[in-house]
Amino acid sequence: MLMINQWRLFIFCVLICTLFLYLSLLLLNHNDGSYSDAPPSRWIGLSHSQISDISMNLKRDKEIGWSPKYPFLRQEGLQAIRNLPDALIIGVKKGGTRALLEFLRLHPDVRAAGSEVHFFDRHYSKGIHWYRQQMPPTLEGQITMEKSPSYFVSRDVPQRVYHMNPAIKLLLVVRDPVTRAISDYAQVVSKNITLPKFEDLAFRNGSMFGLVDTSWIPIRIGVYVRHLERWLHYFPLRQFHFVSGERLIVDPAAEITQVQDFLGLKRIISEKHFYFNATKGFPCLKKSEGHSSPHCLGKTKGRSHPPIDPGVTERLREFYRPFNARFYQITGIHFGWP
């Protein structure tokens, strides 16, 4: 009888030890990140951009971007959080802001809002929490950006931006104000063919011999120095980087290199990312975020301008010339506009 009891005790101990070993192995596998849907060995090779894209696919309203679908994200100490912008593309309209942002999206450490947010000029009453929710989740070391070209010319925006972040970096794309105004007009007239002729809007009496109508927005935007002086009441010049819209077309890699330096980013975007589309007369991307094949920015890029009397353009160049000279003096950059 004693032998039988000892044998039963032995079997019981073996079963207990086996169960303990089994549970220990389960716990060990859990702690080392061995998940069947995404093991750490596959995670390590992902770039910051890919990790952030995983988080963005959650489509949740929470500020924490990690997903239960990828439990190893937390384990690796990585979590994507919605941050307020570190940098803004503040203008100018029809200067090349979209091109600049799309080119910068090639960088794995740049995350940008998908569309123009217009928080500081149109949606300021919605509050800073709403603004944060419009930003993409980012990882530590990544830069959050947004672009809204009307910021540069909106009177209240500089002070509002300053109150959010007095150390923010500001990007401004500028081009010849005359061609910018014509491009602005071309965009509007493409949607409204009943619009008066360009010169009828650019001059007060509808003639190039009259005064330039600075109340017309396409003309007013091009007086860059006046808008810049308002921004300089709040931000020092060192927090601005000025991008030439003309050079962004003819040598995008050189312009983007300077922007990467200004933003404190590693120089990753280079000539190999661009090719020139002769039909559009515009640089296109060999590969970009969300596109595995080459693509251009859209059918509106390279849109032909309406014919403008040379006398009209020369009259406008005379008007802008002193403002351009002051703009060159303040920025320390001669953009070479005629």
C-alpha atoms as a PDB file:
ATOM      1  CA  MET A   1       0.000   0.000   0.000  1.00  0.00           C
ATOM      2  CA  LEU A   2       2.892   2.299   0.857  1.00  0.00           C
ATOM      3  CA  MET A   3       4.517   1.569  -2.497  1.00  0.00           C
ATOM      4  CA  ILE A   4       1.306   2.481  -4.358  1.00  0.00           C
ATOM      5  CA  ASN A   5       0.999   5.814  -2.523  1.00  0.00           C
ATOM      6  CA  GLN A   6       4.636   6.661  -3.272  1.00  0.00           C
ATOM      7  CA  TRP A   7       4.083   5.842  -6.938  1.00  0.00           C
ATOM      8  CA  ARG A   8       1.000   8.091  -7.097  1.00  0.00           C
ATOM      9  CA  LEU A   9       2.943  10.902  -5.430  1.00  0.00           C
ATOM     10  CA  PHE A  10       5.732  10.483  -7.979  1.00  0.00           C
ATOM     11  CA  ILE A  11       3.303  10.695 -10.908  1.00  0.00           C
ATOM     12  CA  PHE A  12       1.640  13.768  -9.384  1.00  0.00           C
ATOM     13  CA  CYS A  13       5.019  15.501  -9.021  1.00  0.00           C
ATOM     14  CA  VAL A  14       5.913  14.704 -12.618  1.00  0.00           C
ATOM     15  CA  LEU A  15       2.627  16.171 -13.834  1.00  0.00           C
ATOM     16  CA  ILE A  16       3.150  19.329 -11.758  1.00  0.00           C
ATOM     17  CA  CYS A  17       6.689  19.765 -13.103  1.00  0.00           C
ATOM     18  CA  THR A  18       5.514  19.230 -16.680  1.00  0.00           C
ATOM     19  CA  LEU A  19       2.756  21.800 -16.283  1.00  0.00           C
ATOM     20  CA  PHE A  20       5.187  24.299 -14.735  1.00  0.00           C
ATOM     21  CA  LEU A  21       7.643  23.811 -17.611  1.00  0.00           C
ATOM     22  CA  TYR A  22       4.883  24.294 -20.186  1.00  0.00           C
ATOM     23  CA  LEU A  23       3.696  27.529 -18.582  1.00  0.00           C
ATOM     24  CA  SER A  24       7.284  28.796 -18.336  1.00  0.00           C
ATOM     25  CA  LEU A  25       7.829  28.232 -22.054  1.00  0.00           C
ATOM     26  CA  LEU A  26       4.627  30.109 -22.892  1.00  0.00           C
ATOM     27  CA  LEU A  27       5.708  33.054 -20.761  1.00  0.00           C
ATOM     28  CA  LEU A  28       9.180  33.066 -22.298  1.00  0.00           C
ATOM     29  CA  ASN A  29       7.759  33.156 -25.829  1.00  0.00           C
ATOM     30  CA  HIS A  30       5.501  36.042 -24.869  1.00  0.00           C
ATOM     31  CA  ASN A  31       8.334  38.077 -23.388  1.00  0.00           C
ATOM     32  CA  ASP A  32      10.728  37.628 -26.289  1.00  0.00           C
ATOM     33  CA  GLY A  33       8.139  38.999 -28.751  1.00  0.00           C
ATOM     34  CA  SER A  34       7.485  35.763 -30.653  1.00  0.00           C
ATOM     35  CA  TYR A  35       4.129  36.701 -32.134  1.00  0.00           C
ATOM     36  CA  SER A  36       2.905  34.736 -35.076  1.00  0.00           C
ATOM     37  CA  ASP A  37       1.578  37.767 -36.969  1.00  0.00           C
ATOM     38  CA  ALA A  38       4.747  39.893 -36.785  1.00  0.00           C
ATOM     39  CA  PRO A  39       7.894  38.604 -35.070  1.00  0.00           C
ATOM     40  CA  PRO A  40      10.586  41.112 -34.003  1.00  0.00           C
ATOM     41  CA  SER A  41      12.976  39.839 -36.679  1.00  0.00           C
ATOM     42  CA  ARG A  42      10.639  41.290 -39.304  1.00  0.00           C
ATOM     43  CA  TRP A  43      10.151  44.516 -37.348  1.00  0.00           C
ATOM     44  CA  ILE A  44      13.825  45.408 -37.013  1.00  0.00           C
ATOM     45  CA  GLY A  45      14.235  45.941 -40.744  1.00  0.00           C
ATOM     46  CA  LEU A  46      11.422  48.468 -41.025  1.00  0.00           C
ATOM     47  CA  SER A  47      12.153  52.165 -41.488  1.00  0.00           C
ATOM     48  CA  HIS A  48      10.661  54.899 -39.334  1.00  0.00           C
ATOM     49  CA  SER A  49       8.348  55.706 -42.234  1.00  0.00           C
ATOM     50  CA  GLN A  50       7.032  52.142 -42.428  1.00  0.00           C
ATOM     51  CA  ILE A  51       6.578  51.935 -38.662  1.00  0.00           C
ATOM     52  CA  SER A  52       4.651  55.185 -38.675  1.00  0.00           C
ATOM     53  CA  ASP A  53       2.511  53.985 -41.575  1.00  0.00           C
ATOM     54  CA  ILE A  54       1.542  50.923 -39.529  1.00  0.00           C
ATOM     55  CA  SER A  55       0.389  53.227 -36.779  1.00  0.00           C
ATOM     56  CA  MET A  56      -1.455  55.570 -39.131  1.00  0.00           C
ATOM     57  CA  ASN A  57      -3.483  52.688 -40.516  1.00  0.00           C
ATOM     58  CA  LEU A  58      -5.236  52.343 -37.164  1.00  0.00           C
ATOM     59  CA  LYS A  59      -7.610  55.219 -38.012  1.00  0.00           C
ATOM     60  CA  ARG A  60      -8.276  55.769 -34.343  1.00  0.00           C
ATOM     61  CA  ASP A  61      -8.816  59.103 -32.667  1.00  0.00           C
ATOM     62  CA  LYS A  62      -6.472  58.332 -29.787  1.00  0.00           C
ATOM     63  CA  GLU A  63      -3.189  60.207 -29.675  1.00  0.00           C
ATOM     64  CA  ILE A  64      -1.205  57.022 -29.087  1.00  0.00           C
ATOM     65  CA  GLY A  65      -0.540  55.421 -32.429  1.00  0.00           C
ATOM     66  CA  TRP A  66       0.565  51.865 -31.553  1.00  0.00           C
ATOM     67  CA  SER A  67      -1.742  49.050 -32.522  1.00  0.00           C
ATOM     68  CA  PRO A  68      -2.778  45.877 -30.671  1.00  0.00           C
ATOM     69  CA  LYS A  69      -2.329  44.186 -34.040  1.00  0.00           C
ATOM     70  CA  TYR A  70       1.420  44.780 -33.661  1.00  0.00           C
ATOM     71  CA  PRO A  71       2.079  44.075 -29.955  1.00  0.00           C
ATOM     72  CA  PHE A  72       5.827  44.120 -30.476  1.00  0.00           C
ATOM     73  CA  LEU A  73       5.626  47.895 -31.176  1.00  0.00           C
ATOM     74  CA  ARG A  74       5.335  48.705 -27.485  1.00  0.00           C
ATOM     75  CA  GLN A  75       7.834  46.023 -26.583  1.00  0.00           C
ATOM     76  CA  GLU A  76      10.467  47.628 -28.808  1.00  0.00           C
ATOM     77  CA  GLY A  77       9.868  50.940 -27.028  1.00  0.00           C
ATOM     78  CA  LEU A  78       8.339  52.528 -30.121  1.00  0.00           C
ATOM     79  CA  GLN A  79       5.094  54.463 -30.090  1.00  0.00           C
ATOM     80  CA  ALA A  80       3.766  56.997 -32.539  1.00  0.00           C
ATOM     81  CA  ILE A  81       2.212  60.110 -31.042  1.00  0.00           C
ATOM     82  CA  ARG A  82       0.398  63.016 -32.652  1.00  0.00           C
ATOM     83  CA  ASN A  83       2.594  66.077 -32.145  1.00  0.00           C
ATOM     84  CA  LEU A  84       2.085  69.711 -33.016  1.00  0.00           C
ATOM     85  CA  PRO A  85       4.165  70.768 -36.040  1.00  0.00           C
ATOM     86  CA  ASP A  86       7.905  71.321 -35.767  1.00  0.00           C
ATOM     87  CA  ALA A  87       7.871  73.155 -39.107  1.00  0.00           C
ATOM     88  CA  LEU A  88       5.352  74.917 -41.321  1.00  0.00           C
ATOM     89  CA  ILE A  89       5.296  75.628 -45.040  1.00  0.00           C
ATOM     90  CA  ILE A  90       3.617  79.026 -44.838  1.00  0.00           C
ATOM     91  CA  GLY A  91       3.527  80.020 -48.515  1.00  0.00           C
ATOM     92  CA  VAL A  92       3.299  81.267 -51.063  1.00  0.00           C
ATOM     93  CA  LYS A  93       0.286  80.192 -53.085  1.00  0.00           C
ATOM     94  CA  LYS A  94       1.321  79.071 -56.597  1.00  0.00           C
ATOM     95  CA  GLY A  95       4.931  79.279 -55.519  1.00  0.00           C
ATOM     96  CA  GLY A  96       5.670  75.563 -55.357  1.00  0.00           C
ATOM     97  CA  THR A  97       4.494  74.629 -51.864  1.00  0.00           C
ATOM     98  CA  ARG A  98       2.892  71.378 -52.925  1.00  0.00           C
ATOM     99  CA  ALA A  99       6.004  70.306 -54.797  1.00  0.00           C
ATOM    100  CA  LEU A 100       8.160  71.108 -51.773  1.00  0.00           C
ATOM    101  CA  LEU A 101       5.981  69.056 -49.447  1.00  0.00           C
ATOM    102  CA  GLU A 102       5.747  66.086 -51.819  1.00  0.00           C
ATOM    103  CA  PHE A 103       9.505  66.090 -52.288  1.00  0.00           C
ATOM    104  CA  LEU A 104      10.062  66.227 -48.515  1.00  0.00           C
ATOM    105  CA  ARG A 105       7.699  63.290 -48.016  1.00  0.00           C
ATOM    106  CA  LEU A 106      10.413  61.128 -49.545  1.00  0.00           C
ATOM    107  CA  HIS A 107      12.354  61.509 -46.308  1.00  0.00           C
ATOM    108  CA  PRO A 108      11.568  58.787 -43.730  1.00  0.00           C
ATOM    109  CA  ASP A 109      11.850  61.279 -40.868  1.00  0.00           C
ATOM    110  CA  VAL A 110       9.272  63.708 -42.253  1.00  0.00           C
ATOM    111  CA  ARG A 111       5.581  63.171 -41.535  1.00  0.00           C
ATOM    112  CA  ALA A 112       3.076  65.701 -42.849  1.00  0.00           C
ATOM    113  CA  ALA A 113      -0.645  66.315 -42.659  1.00  0.00           C
ATOM    114  CA  GLY A 114      -2.358  64.958 -45.743  1.00  0.00           C
ATOM    115  CA  SER A 115      -4.051  68.188 -46.780  1.00  0.00           C
ATOM    116  CA  GLU A 116      -3.913  71.903 -46.072  1.00  0.00           C
ATOM    117  CA  VAL A 117      -5.145  72.260 -42.496  1.00  0.00           C
ATOM    118  CA  HIS A 118      -5.667  76.054 -42.417  1.00  0.00           C
ATOM    119  CA  PHE A 119      -5.823  76.010 -38.639  1.00  0.00           C
ATOM    120  CA  PHE A 120      -4.272  79.420 -38.017  1.00  0.00           C
ATOM    121  CA  ASP A 121      -6.406  81.301 -40.553  1.00  0.00           C
ATOM    122  CA  ARG A 122      -9.719  79.413 -40.877  1.00  0.00           C
ATOM    123  CA  HIS A 123     -10.125  76.951 -38.003  1.00  0.00           C
ATOM    124  CA  TYR A 124      -8.397  78.651 -35.087  1.00  0.00           C
ATOM    125  CA  SER A 125     -11.587  78.652 -33.022  1.00  0.00           C
ATOM    126  CA  LYS A 126     -11.562  74.835 -33.010  1.00  0.00           C
ATOM    127  CA  GLY A 127      -8.628  74.879 -30.611  1.00  0.00           C
ATOM    128  CA  ILE A 128      -5.166  73.389 -30.362  1.00  0.00           C
ATOM    129  CA  HIS A 129      -6.418  69.882 -29.538  1.00  0.00           C
ATOM    130  CA  TRP A 130      -8.309  69.781 -32.838  1.00  0.00           C
ATOM    131  CA  TYR A 131      -5.154  70.929 -34.618  1.00  0.00           C
ATOM    132  CA  ARG A 132      -3.082  68.180 -33.022  1.00  0.00           C
ATOM    133  CA  GLN A 133      -5.601  65.592 -34.183  1.00  0.00           C
ATOM    134  CA  GLN A 134      -5.035  66.668 -37.804  1.00  0.00           C
ATOM    135  CA  MET A 135      -1.366  65.707 -37.552  1.00  0.00           C
ATOM    136  CA  PRO A 136      -0.066  62.227 -38.418  1.00  0.00           C
ATOM    137  CA  PRO A 137       1.373  60.043 -35.638  1.00  0.00           C
ATOM    138  CA  THR A 138       5.155  60.362 -35.490  1.00  0.00           C
ATOM    139  CA  LEU A 139       7.963  58.494 -33.794  1.00  0.00           C
ATOM    140  CA  GLU A 140      10.709  60.053 -31.725  1.00  0.00           C
ATOM    141  CA  GLY A 141      13.180  61.732 -34.055  1.00  0.00           C
ATOM    142  CA  GLN A 142      10.636  62.407 -36.800  1.00  0.00           C
ATOM    143  CA  ILE A 143       9.482  65.888 -37.821  1.00  0.00           C
ATOM    144  CA  THR A 144       5.806  66.841 -38.002  1.00  0.00           C
ATOM    145  CA  MET A 145       4.881  69.302 -40.761  1.00  0.00           C
ATOM    146  CA  GLU A 146       1.925  70.901 -42.465  1.00  0.00           C
ATOM    147  CA  LYS A 147       1.484  73.384 -45.279  1.00  0.00           C
ATOM    148  CA  SER A 148      -1.140  76.068 -45.745  1.00  0.00           C
ATOM    149  CA  PRO A 149       0.074  78.676 -48.275  1.00  0.00           C
ATOM    150  CA  SER A 150      -2.359  81.358 -47.132  1.00  0.00           C
ATOM    151  CA  TYR A 151      -0.622  81.571 -43.744  1.00  0.00           C
ATOM    152  CA  PHE A 152       2.029  83.895 -45.145  1.00  0.00           C
ATOM    153  CA  VAL A 153      -0.426  86.621 -46.158  1.00  0.00           C
ATOM    154  CA  SER A 154      -2.955  86.286 -43.308  1.00  0.00           C
ATOM    155  CA  ARG A 155      -2.636  89.101 -40.794  1.00  0.00           C
ATOM    156  CA  ASP A 156      -3.328  87.207 -37.550  1.00  0.00           C
ATOM    157  CA  VAL A 157      -1.356  84.070 -38.340  1.00  0.00           C
ATOM    158  CA  PRO A 158       2.184  85.081 -37.230  1.00  0.00           C
ATOM    159  CA  GLN A 159       1.067  85.876 -33.688  1.00  0.00           C
ATOM    160  CA  ARG A 160      -1.021  82.703 -33.461  1.00  0.00           C
ATOM    161  CA  VAL A 161       1.857  80.535 -34.653  1.00  0.00           C
ATOM    162  CA  TYR A 162       4.178  82.242 -32.176  1.00  0.00           C
ATOM    163  CA  HIS A 163       1.834  81.471 -29.292  1.00  0.00           C
ATOM    164  CA  MET A 164       1.857  77.793 -30.289  1.00  0.00           C
ATOM    165  CA  ASN A 165       5.616  77.464 -30.752  1.00  0.00           C
ATOM    166  CA  PRO A 166       8.012  80.453 -30.786  1.00  0.00           C
ATOM    167  CA  ALA A 167      10.846  78.153 -31.916  1.00  0.00           C
ATOM    168  CA  ILE A 168       9.043  76.691 -34.939  1.00  0.00           C
ATOM    169  CA  LYS A 169      10.848  76.493 -38.290  1.00  0.00           C
ATOM    170  CA  LEU A 170       9.211  78.299 -41.194  1.00  0.00           C
ATOM    171  CA  LEU A 171       9.552  77.426 -44.871  1.00  0.00           C
ATOM    172  CA  LEU A 172       8.626  79.952 -47.541  1.00  0.00           C
ATOM    173  CA  VAL A 173       8.622  79.149 -51.263  1.00  0.00           C
ATOM    174  CA  VAL A 174       8.744  82.246 -53.467  1.00  0.00           C
ATOM    175  CA  ARG A 175       8.866  82.819 -57.214  1.00  0.00           C
ATOM    176  CA  ASP A 176       8.803  85.769 -59.596  1.00  0.00           C
ATOM    177  CA  PRO A 177       5.711  87.662 -58.370  1.00  0.00           C
ATOM    178  CA  VAL A 178       4.561  88.450 -61.911  1.00  0.00           C
ATOM    179  CA  THR A 179       4.549  84.838 -63.104  1.00  0.00           C
ATOM    180  CA  ARG A 180       3.083  83.849 -59.735  1.00  0.00           C
ATOM    181  CA  ALA A 181       0.168  86.262 -60.217  1.00  0.00           C
ATOM    182  CA  ILE A 182      -0.445  84.978 -63.746  1.00  0.00           C
ATOM    183  CA  SER A 183      -0.350  81.387 -62.497  1.00  0.00           C
ATOM    184  CA  ASP A 184      -2.803  82.301 -59.748  1.00  0.00           C
ATOM    185  CA  TYR A 185      -5.127  83.842 -62.328  1.00  0.00           C
ATOM    186  CA  ALA A 186      -4.771  80.816 -64.635  1.00  0.00           C
ATOM    187  CA  GLN A 187      -5.915  78.525 -61.852  1.00  0.00           C
ATOM    188  CA  VAL A 188      -8.976  80.641 -61.101  1.00  0.00           C
ATOM    189  CA  VAL A 189      -9.975  81.206 -64.733  1.00  0.00           C
ATOM    190  CA  SER A 190      -9.738  77.466 -65.431  1.00  0.00           C
ATOM    191  CA  LYS A 191     -12.661  77.072 -63.022  1.00  0.00           C
ATOM    192  CA  ASN A 192     -14.510  80.225 -64.077  1.00  0.00           C
ATOM    193  CA  ILE A 193     -14.195  81.072 -67.758  1.00  0.00           C
ATOM    194  CA  THR A 194     -16.396  84.163 -67.308  1.00  0.00           C
ATOM    195  CA  LEU A 195     -13.684  85.889 -65.288  1.00  0.00           C
ATOM    196  CA  PRO A 196     -12.509  89.234 -66.743  1.00  0.00           C
ATOM    197  CA  LYS A 197      -9.152  89.416 -68.488  1.00  0.00           C
ATOM    198  CA  PHE A 198      -6.017  89.499 -66.361  1.00  0.00           C
ATOM    199  CA  GLU A 199      -5.211  93.148 -67.087  1.00  0.00           C
ATOM    200  CA  ASP A 200      -8.780  94.200 -66.260  1.00  0.00           C
ATOM    201  CA  LEU A 201      -8.241  92.867 -62.741  1.00  0.00           C
ATOM    202  CA  ALA A 202      -4.595  93.828 -62.283  1.00  0.00           C
ATOM    203  CA  PHE A 203      -5.127  97.556 -62.969  1.00  0.00           C
ATOM    204  CA  ARG A 204      -7.713  99.816 -61.404  1.00  0.00           C
ATOM    205  CA  ASN A 205      -9.092 101.263 -64.615  1.00  0.00           C
ATOM    206  CA  GLY A 206      -8.679  98.040 -66.578  1.00  0.00           C
ATOM    207  CA  SER A 207      -5.710  99.445 -68.487  1.00  0.00           C
ATOM    208  CA  MET A 208      -2.012  98.845 -68.008  1.00  0.00           C
ATOM    209  CA  PHE A 209      -1.612 102.628 -67.932  1.00  0.00           C
ATOM    210  CA  GLY A 210      -3.626 102.797 -64.716  1.00  0.00           C
ATOM    211  CA  LEU A 211      -2.487 102.121 -61.170  1.00  0.00           C
ATOM    212  CA  VAL A 212      -1.769  98.549 -60.156  1.00  0.00           C
ATOM    213  CA  ASP A 213      -4.657  97.275 -58.066  1.00  0.00           C
ATOM    214  CA  THR A 214      -2.945  96.021 -54.923  1.00  0.00           C
ATOM    215  CA  SER A 215      -6.302  95.065 -53.427  1.00  0.00           C
ATOM    216  CA  TRP A 216      -6.567  92.226 -55.956  1.00  0.00           C
ATOM    217  CA  ILE A 217      -5.270  89.192 -54.073  1.00  0.00           C
ATOM    218  CA  PRO A 218      -3.053  87.750 -56.870  1.00  0.00           C
ATOM    219  CA  ILE A 219      -1.212  91.091 -56.941  1.00  0.00           C
ATOM    220  CA  ARG A 220      -1.150  91.618 -53.171  1.00  0.00           C
ATOM    221  CA  ILE A 221       0.375  88.195 -52.449  1.00  0.00           C
ATOM    222  CA  GLY A 222       3.444  89.052 -54.547  1.00  0.00           C
ATOM    223  CA  VAL A 223       4.479  91.987 -52.354  1.00  0.00           C
ATOM    224  CA  TYR A 224       6.493  89.505 -50.313  1.00  0.00           C
ATOM    225  CA  VAL A 225       8.441  91.994 -48.249  1.00  0.00           C
ATOM    226  CA  ARG A 226       5.353  93.475 -46.608  1.00  0.00           C
ATOM    227  CA  HIS A 227       4.131  90.069 -45.460  1.00  0.00           C
ATOM    228  CA  LEU A 228       7.612  89.035 -44.325  1.00  0.00           C
ATOM    229  CA  GLU A 229       8.018  92.169 -42.211  1.00  0.00           C
ATOM    230  CA  ARG A 230       4.868  91.241 -40.307  1.00  0.00           C
ATOM    231  CA  TRP A 231       6.290  87.776 -39.578  1.00  0.00           C
ATOM    232  CA  LEU A 232       9.608  89.264 -38.483  1.00  0.00           C
ATOM    233  CA  HIS A 233       7.834  91.040 -35.626  1.00  0.00           C
ATOM    234  CA  TYR A 234       7.507  87.603 -34.030  1.00  0.00           C
ATOM    235  CA  PHE A 235      10.244  85.389 -35.478  1.00  0.00           C
ATOM    236  CA  PRO A 236      13.943  86.025 -36.154  1.00  0.00           C
ATOM    237  CA  LEU A 237      15.215  85.577 -39.688  1.00  0.00           C
ATOM    238  CA  ARG A 238      17.197  82.470 -38.681  1.00  0.00           C
ATOM    239  CA  GLN A 239      13.924  80.566 -38.217  1.00  0.00           C
ATOM    240  CA  PHE A 240      13.022  81.065 -41.886  1.00  0.00           C
ATOM    241  CA  HIS A 241      14.259  79.158 -44.883  1.00  0.00           C
ATOM    242  CA  PHE A 242      13.524  80.643 -48.288  1.00  0.00           C
ATOM    243  CA  VAL A 243      13.080  78.268 -51.213  1.00  0.00           C
ATOM    244  CA  SER A 244      13.340  79.481 -54.791  1.00  0.00           C
ATOM    245  CA  GLY A 245      10.320  78.261 -56.726  1.00  0.00           C
ATOM    246  CA  GLU A 246      12.311  78.551 -59.954  1.00  0.00           C
ATOM    247  CA  ARG A 247      15.234  76.473 -58.665  1.00  0.00           C
ATOM    248  CA  LEU A 248      12.844  73.933 -57.204  1.00  0.00           C
ATOM    249  CA  ILE A 249      11.866  73.176 -60.809  1.00  0.00           C
ATOM    250  CA  VAL A 250      15.276  73.209 -62.491  1.00  0.00           C
ATOM    251  CA  ASP A 251      17.327  71.693 -59.647  1.00  0.00           C
ATOM    252  CA  PRO A 252      15.019  70.167 -57.022  1.00  0.00           C
ATOM    253  CA  ALA A 253      17.736  68.076 -55.400  1.00  0.00           C
ATOM    254  CA  ALA A 254      19.868  71.130 -54.585  1.00  0.00           C
ATOM    255  CA  GLU A 255      16.928  73.003 -53.063  1.00  0.00           C
ATOM    256  CA  ILE A 256      15.795  69.990 -51.039  1.00  0.00           C
ATOM    257  CA  THR A 257      19.336  69.442 -49.753  1.00  0.00           C
ATOM    258  CA  GLN A 258      19.290  72.933 -48.247  1.00  0.00           C
ATOM    259  CA  VAL A 259      15.862  72.289 -46.726  1.00  0.00           C
ATOM    260  CA  GLN A 260      17.070  69.033 -45.180  1.00  0.00           C
ATOM    261  CA  ASP A 261      19.977  70.908 -43.606  1.00  0.00           C
ATOM    262  CA  PHE A 262      17.672  73.627 -42.286  1.00  0.00           C
ATOM    263  CA  LEU A 263      15.369  71.049 -40.703  1.00  0.00           C
ATOM    264  CA  GLY A 264      18.279  69.138 -39.178  1.00  0.00           C
ATOM    265  CA  LEU A 265      17.603  66.047 -41.284  1.00  0.00           C
ATOM    266  CA  LYS A 266      20.079  63.573 -42.669  1.00  0.00           C
ATOM    267  CA  ARG A 267      20.697  64.178 -46.378  1.00  0.00           C
ATOM    268  CA  ILE A 268      18.692  61.343 -47.897  1.00  0.00           C
ATOM    269  CA  ILE A 269      16.781  62.968 -50.772  1.00  0.00           C
ATOM    270  CA  SER A 270      19.077  63.485 -53.767  1.00  0.00           C
ATOM    271  CA  GLU A 271      19.221  63.568 -57.575  1.00  0.00           C
ATOM    272  CA  LYS A 272      18.372  59.874 -57.783  1.00  0.00           C
ATOM    273  CA  HIS A 273      14.817  60.599 -56.594  1.00  0.00           C
ATOM    274  CA  PHE A 274      13.893  62.925 -59.490  1.00  0.00           C
ATOM    275  CA  TYR A 275      13.492  62.935 -63.229  1.00  0.00           C
ATOM    276  CA  PHE A 276      12.415  65.777 -65.506  1.00  0.00           C
ATOM    277  CA  ASN A 277       9.154  65.439 -67.425  1.00  0.00           C
ATOM    278  CA  ALA A 278       9.692  67.360 -70.650  1.00  0.00           C
ATOM    279  CA  THR A 279       5.978  67.367 -71.482  1.00  0.00           C
ATOM    280  CA  LYS A 280       4.998  69.054 -68.238  1.00  0.00           C
ATOM    281  CA  GLY A 281       8.224  71.016 -67.898  1.00  0.00           C
ATOM    282  CA  PHE A 282       8.315  69.930 -64.286  1.00  0.00           C
ATOM    283  CA  PRO A 283      10.362  67.527 -62.139  1.00  0.00           C
ATOM    284  CA  CYS A 284       8.642  64.278 -61.209  1.00  0.00           C
ATOM    285  CA  LEU A 285       9.391  61.673 -58.579  1.00  0.00           C
ATOM    286  CA  LYS A 286      10.911  58.322 -59.395  1.00  0.00           C
ATOM    287  CA  LYS A 287       9.408  56.960 -56.194  1.00  0.00           C
ATOM    288  CA  SER A 288       7.557  58.590 -53.343  1.00  0.00           C
ATOM    289  CA  GLU A 289       5.495  57.868 -50.263  1.00  0.00           C
ATOM    290  CA  GLY A 290       2.507  55.767 -51.257  1.00  0.00           C
ATOM    291  CA  HIS A 291       3.794  55.194 -54.789  1.00  0.00           C
ATOM    292  CA  SER A 292       5.989  52.273 -55.773  1.00  0.00           C
ATOM    293  CA  SER A 293       6.363  53.619 -59.318  1.00  0.00           C
ATOM    294  CA  PRO A 294       7.371  57.009 -60.748  1.00  0.00           C
ATOM    295  CA  HIS A 295       4.715  59.704 -60.757  1.00  0.00           C
ATOM    296  CA  CYS A 296       4.199  63.415 -61.293  1.00  0.00           C
ATOM    297  CA  LEU A 297       2.366  65.759 -58.977  1.00  0.00           C
ATOM    298  CA  GLY A 298      -0.874  66.104 -60.926  1.00  0.00           C
ATOM    299  CA  LYS A 299      -2.515  67.229 -64.128  1.00  0.00           C
ATOM    300  CA  THR A 300      -2.543  70.887 -63.024  1.00  0.00           C
ATOM    301  CA  LYS A 301       1.249  71.043 -62.790  1.00  0.00           C
ATOM    302  CA  GLY A 302       2.598  72.629 -65.920  1.00  0.00           C
ATOM    303  CA  ARG A 303      -0.796  74.195 -66.759  1.00  0.00           C
ATOM    304  CA  SER A 304      -0.400  76.659 -69.617  1.00  0.00           C
ATOM    305  CA  HIS A 305      -0.874  80.336 -68.818  1.00  0.00           C
ATOM    306  CA  PRO A 306      -3.247  82.596 -70.751  1.00  0.00           C
ATOM    307  CA  PRO A 307      -1.574  84.999 -73.196  1.00  0.00           C
ATOM    308  CA  ILE A 308      -0.699  88.283 -71.494  1.00  0.00           C
ATOM    309  CA  ASP A 309       0.312  91.464 -73.298  1.00  0.00           C
ATOM    310  CA  PRO A 310       4.092  91.981 -72.797  1.00  0.00           C
ATOM    311  CA  GLY A 311       3.363  95.584 -71.860  1.00  0.00           C
ATOM    312  CA  VAL A 312       1.231  94.341 -68.966  1.00  0.00           C
ATOM    313  CA  THR A 313       3.947  92.078 -67.601  1.00  0.00           C
ATOM    314  CA  GLU A 314       6.564  94.816 -67.930  1.00  0.00           C
ATOM    315  CA  ARG A 315       4.323  97.294 -66.115  1.00  0.00           C
ATOM    316  CA  LEU A 316       3.908  94.788 -63.270  1.00  0.00           C
ATOM    317  CA  ARG A 317       7.656  94.137 -63.139  1.00  0.00           C
ATOM    318  CA  GLU A 318       8.217  97.855 -62.662  1.00  0.00           C
ATOM    319  CA  PHE A 319       5.701  97.817 -59.829  1.00  0.00           C
ATOM    320  CA  TYR A 320       7.281  94.856 -58.039  1.00  0.00           C
ATOM    321  CA  ARG A 321      10.934  95.806 -58.594  1.00  0.00           C
ATOM    322  CA  PRO A 322      11.427  98.019 -55.484  1.00  0.00           C
ATOM    323  CA  PHE A 323       9.573  95.529 -53.286  1.00  0.00           C
ATOM    324  CA  ASN A 324      11.738  92.710 -54.639  1.00  0.00           C
ATOM    325  CA  ALA A 325      14.884  94.714 -53.901  1.00  0.00           C
ATOM    326  CA  ARG A 326      13.855  95.139 -50.257  1.00  0.00           C
ATOM    327  CA  PHE A 327      12.981  91.458 -50.052  1.00  0.00           C
ATOM    328  CA  TYR A 328      16.445  90.539 -51.381  1.00  0.00           C
ATOM    329  CA  GLN A 329      18.054  92.868 -48.854  1.00  0.00           C
ATOM    330  CA  ILE A 330      16.220  91.410 -45.862  1.00  0.00           C
ATOM    331  CA  THR A 331      16.643  87.753 -46.831  1.00  0.00           C
ATOM    332  CA  GLY A 332      20.194  88.131 -48.112  1.00  0.00           C
ATOM    333  CA  ILE A 333      19.196  86.201 -51.242  1.00  0.00           C
ATOM    334  CA  HIS A 334      19.021  87.567 -54.783  1.00  0.00           C
ATOM    335  CA  PHE A 335      16.395  85.468 -56.533  1.00  0.00           C
ATOM    336  CA  GLY A 336      17.140  86.952 -59.959  1.00  0.00           C
ATOM    337  CA  TRP A 337      13.639  88.024 -60.896  1.00  0.00           C
ATOM    338  CA  PRO A 338      13.557  90.450 -63.854  1.00  0.00           C
END
